[in-house]
Protein backbone atom coordinates (compact mmCIF):
# COMPACT_ATOMS: atom_id res chain seq x y z
CA MET A 1 56.72 35.50 160.03
CA LYS A 2 56.91 39.41 160.67
CA GLN A 3 56.90 40.11 156.84
CA ILE A 4 53.55 37.72 156.46
CA SER A 5 52.27 39.60 159.79
CA SER A 6 52.33 42.88 157.59
CA PHE A 7 51.28 41.13 154.53
CA LEU A 8 48.05 40.15 156.16
CA SER A 9 46.42 43.43 157.66
CA GLU A 10 46.67 44.27 153.41
CA ILE A 11 44.51 41.35 152.08
CA SER A 12 41.14 39.86 152.10
CA ASP A 13 40.12 37.00 154.55
CA GLN A 14 39.83 34.48 151.57
CA PHE A 15 43.19 35.17 151.00
CA ARG A 16 44.72 35.12 154.80
CA THR A 17 42.45 31.71 155.07
CA ALA A 18 45.03 30.46 151.94
CA VAL A 19 47.92 32.02 153.76
CA VAL A 20 46.53 29.70 156.66
CA ASP A 21 46.54 26.50 154.96
CA ALA A 22 50.37 27.49 153.66
CA ILE A 23 51.09 27.60 157.64
CA LYS A 24 49.63 24.47 157.83
CA SER A 25 51.27 22.85 154.95
CA LEU A 26 54.79 24.46 156.38
CA CYS A 27 54.25 22.61 159.97
CA GLN A 28 53.76 19.45 158.31
CA LYS A 29 56.95 19.74 156.21
CA PHE A 30 58.89 20.80 159.09
CA PRO A 31 57.42 19.62 162.31
CA ARG A 32 60.15 21.32 164.37
CA LYS A 33 59.28 24.43 163.93
CA HIS A 34 55.38 23.80 165.19
CA THR A 35 55.97 26.61 168.31
CA VAL A 36 56.73 29.48 165.76
CA LEU A 37 54.01 28.76 163.73
CA MET A 38 51.35 28.09 166.65
CA THR A 39 52.53 31.25 168.21
CA PHE A 40 51.96 32.90 164.73
CA LEU A 41 48.58 31.13 164.41
CA SER A 42 47.72 31.96 168.42
CA ASN A 43 48.95 35.80 167.49
CA MET A 44 46.47 35.74 164.21
CA LEU A 45 43.53 34.55 166.50
CA ARG A 46 43.78 38.35 168.50
CA GLU A 47 42.67 39.73 164.98
CA GLU A 48 39.00 40.88 164.68
CA ASP A 49 38.60 39.31 161.55
CA GLY A 50 35.59 37.20 159.93
CA TYR A 51 34.05 34.05 160.93
CA GLU A 52 35.44 31.51 158.15
CA TYR A 53 39.29 33.15 158.70
CA LYS A 54 39.47 32.50 162.37
CA LYS A 55 37.63 28.87 161.62
CA ALA A 56 40.45 28.06 159.28
CA ILE A 57 42.88 29.07 162.21
CA VAL A 58 41.07 26.80 164.63
CA ASN A 59 41.19 23.44 162.11
CA THR A 60 44.91 24.62 161.41
CA ILE A 61 45.96 24.42 165.19
CA ILE A 62 43.53 21.38 166.13
CA SER A 63 45.16 19.93 162.81
CA ILE A 64 48.84 20.61 163.68
CA VAL A 65 48.03 19.34 167.51
CA GLU A 66 46.45 15.70 166.10
CA GLU A 67 49.24 15.32 163.75
CA ASN A 68 52.20 16.80 165.57
CA PRO A 69 53.23 14.38 168.76
CA GLU A 70 55.11 17.49 170.03
CA ALA A 71 52.69 19.92 169.43
CA LYS A 72 50.82 17.78 172.35
CA GLU A 73 53.12 18.59 174.97
CA ALA A 74 51.68 21.01 177.55
CA ASP A 75 53.04 24.26 178.67
CA CYS A 76 51.87 27.77 179.06
CA GLU A 77 51.46 28.51 175.70
CA HIS A 78 49.24 25.61 174.97
CA THR A 79 47.16 26.41 177.91
CA SER A 80 46.84 29.81 176.57
CA LEU A 81 45.90 29.12 173.18
CA ALA A 82 43.54 26.37 174.57
CA THR A 83 41.86 29.07 176.31
CA ARG A 84 41.42 31.48 173.42
CA ILE A 85 40.21 28.54 171.20
CA ILE A 86 37.45 27.76 173.78
CA HIS A 87 36.65 31.64 174.14
CA LEU A 88 36.75 31.73 170.33
CA LEU A 89 34.11 29.44 170.46
CA GLY A 90 32.23 31.27 173.23
CA ARG A 91 32.06 34.35 171.48
CA GLU A 92 31.13 32.98 167.59
CA GLY A 93 29.62 29.24 168.59
CA PRO A 94 26.31 30.64 169.88
CA ARG A 95 25.60 32.78 166.93
CA THR A 96 25.84 29.64 164.85
CA THR A 97 22.66 27.71 162.91
CA THR A 98 23.89 24.54 165.20
CA PRO A 99 25.35 25.51 168.43
CA ALA A 100 24.99 22.39 170.07
CA LYS A 101 27.43 20.80 167.96
CA TYR A 102 30.26 22.67 169.98
CA ILE A 103 29.04 21.28 173.48
CA ARG A 104 30.53 18.13 173.05
CA TYR A 105 33.80 19.28 172.28
CA ILE A 106 33.78 22.38 175.05
CA TYR A 107 32.63 19.69 177.27
CA ASN A 108 35.23 17.69 176.92
CA ARG A 109 37.76 20.27 177.61
CA VAL A 110 36.11 20.63 180.91
CA ILE A 111 36.69 16.67 181.72
CA LEU A 112 40.22 16.52 180.25
CA GLU A 113 41.96 19.44 180.65
CA ASN A 114 43.80 21.44 183.42
CA ALA A 115 42.35 24.18 185.73
CA PRO A 116 42.89 27.31 183.69
CA VAL A 117 41.31 25.17 180.25
CA ARG A 118 38.47 23.88 182.74
CA ALA A 119 37.37 27.29 184.03
CA ALA A 120 37.63 28.70 180.46
CA ALA A 121 35.35 26.06 178.97
CA VAL A 122 32.55 26.20 181.88
CA SER A 123 32.41 30.07 181.30
CA VAL A 124 32.21 29.20 177.52
CA LEU A 125 29.25 26.66 178.54
CA ALA A 126 27.58 28.89 180.38
CA LYS A 127 27.50 31.39 177.30
CA PHE A 128 26.28 28.95 174.92
CA GLY A 129 22.95 28.38 177.72
CA ALA A 130 22.63 31.99 178.16
CA ALA A 131 22.27 31.98 174.76
CA SER A 132 19.62 29.32 173.73
CA GLU A 133 16.44 27.86 175.33
CA ASP A 134 17.01 24.78 173.59
CA LEU A 135 20.53 24.31 175.23
CA LEU A 136 19.86 25.41 178.68
CA PRO A 137 18.44 22.05 179.95
CA ASN A 138 21.58 20.35 179.26
CA ILE A 139 23.54 22.97 179.95
CA LEU A 140 22.76 23.49 183.82
CA VAL A 141 22.92 19.10 183.36
CA LEU A 142 26.77 19.60 182.66
CA LEU A 143 27.27 22.64 184.96
CA GLN A 144 26.02 20.75 187.89
CA GLN A 145 28.37 18.22 187.17
CA THR A 146 31.31 20.33 186.71
CA THR A 147 30.29 21.82 190.57
CA LEU A 148 32.27 18.76 191.76
CA ASP A 149 35.00 20.10 190.43
CA GLN A 150 38.60 19.62 192.10
CA ASP A 151 39.85 22.74 191.23
CA ASP A 152 38.25 26.22 192.96
CA ASP A 153 37.67 28.25 190.42
CA VAL A 154 36.73 25.73 188.07
CA ARG A 155 33.66 24.66 190.77
CA ASP A 156 32.85 28.52 191.63
CA ARG A 157 32.41 29.31 187.92
CA ALA A 158 30.25 26.30 187.13
CA THR A 159 28.23 26.70 190.65
CA LEU A 160 27.65 30.71 189.85
CA TYR A 161 26.64 30.04 186.21
CA TYR A 162 24.70 27.24 187.71
CA GLN A 163 22.66 29.37 189.84
CA LEU A 164 22.31 32.33 187.51
CA LEU A 165 21.35 30.25 184.36
CA LYS A 166 18.99 28.14 186.23
CA HIS A 167 16.65 31.14 187.14
CA ASN A 168 16.63 31.91 183.70
CA ASP A 169 16.35 35.75 183.84
CA LYS A 170 17.73 37.53 180.84
CA ALA A 171 19.14 40.56 183.02
CA LEU A 172 21.55 38.82 184.62
CA ASN A 173 22.50 36.50 181.98
CA SER A 174 23.46 39.33 179.77
CA ALA A 175 24.96 41.05 182.88
CA TYR A 176 27.30 38.58 184.56
CA ILE A 177 27.60 35.52 181.50
CA LEU A 178 26.54 37.46 177.78
CA ASN A 179 29.42 40.47 178.46
């Protein structure tokens, strides 16, 4: 994996995407090696690369989790991976042509996941609300529902972001949400 990692820095995103597809095939052929491959993929997400390449990584990770029952086991590494994916969606999603299509996936993380992932999802929902006037009313409803969460961090984030977005002040949004 170390050799592949150094090799990736020397090739274009198109070929990197092919490597990601090959990693997906490896995980299908060797399902017990999913931990090593998922760690490698999560490290690849940290790099500053193009949208299509990162999208391929995220799709591969999701595919591995859906296809491999052992990859569904919750542990710290997967919580970290889930929060990274959610933050990637928060960074790239609002800039896409159809940002609304990500909202359901992100809100499902608020409903279905553990507290750290829920907190990350709340922050990302706020980014979508701050970046899109069209999505703001729906985001406000989702954040208001989340203010009743059982976890302090999730509840506090939802309350803060709800109050900030409710005032629709671009300077506040820029200072506290979009940065």
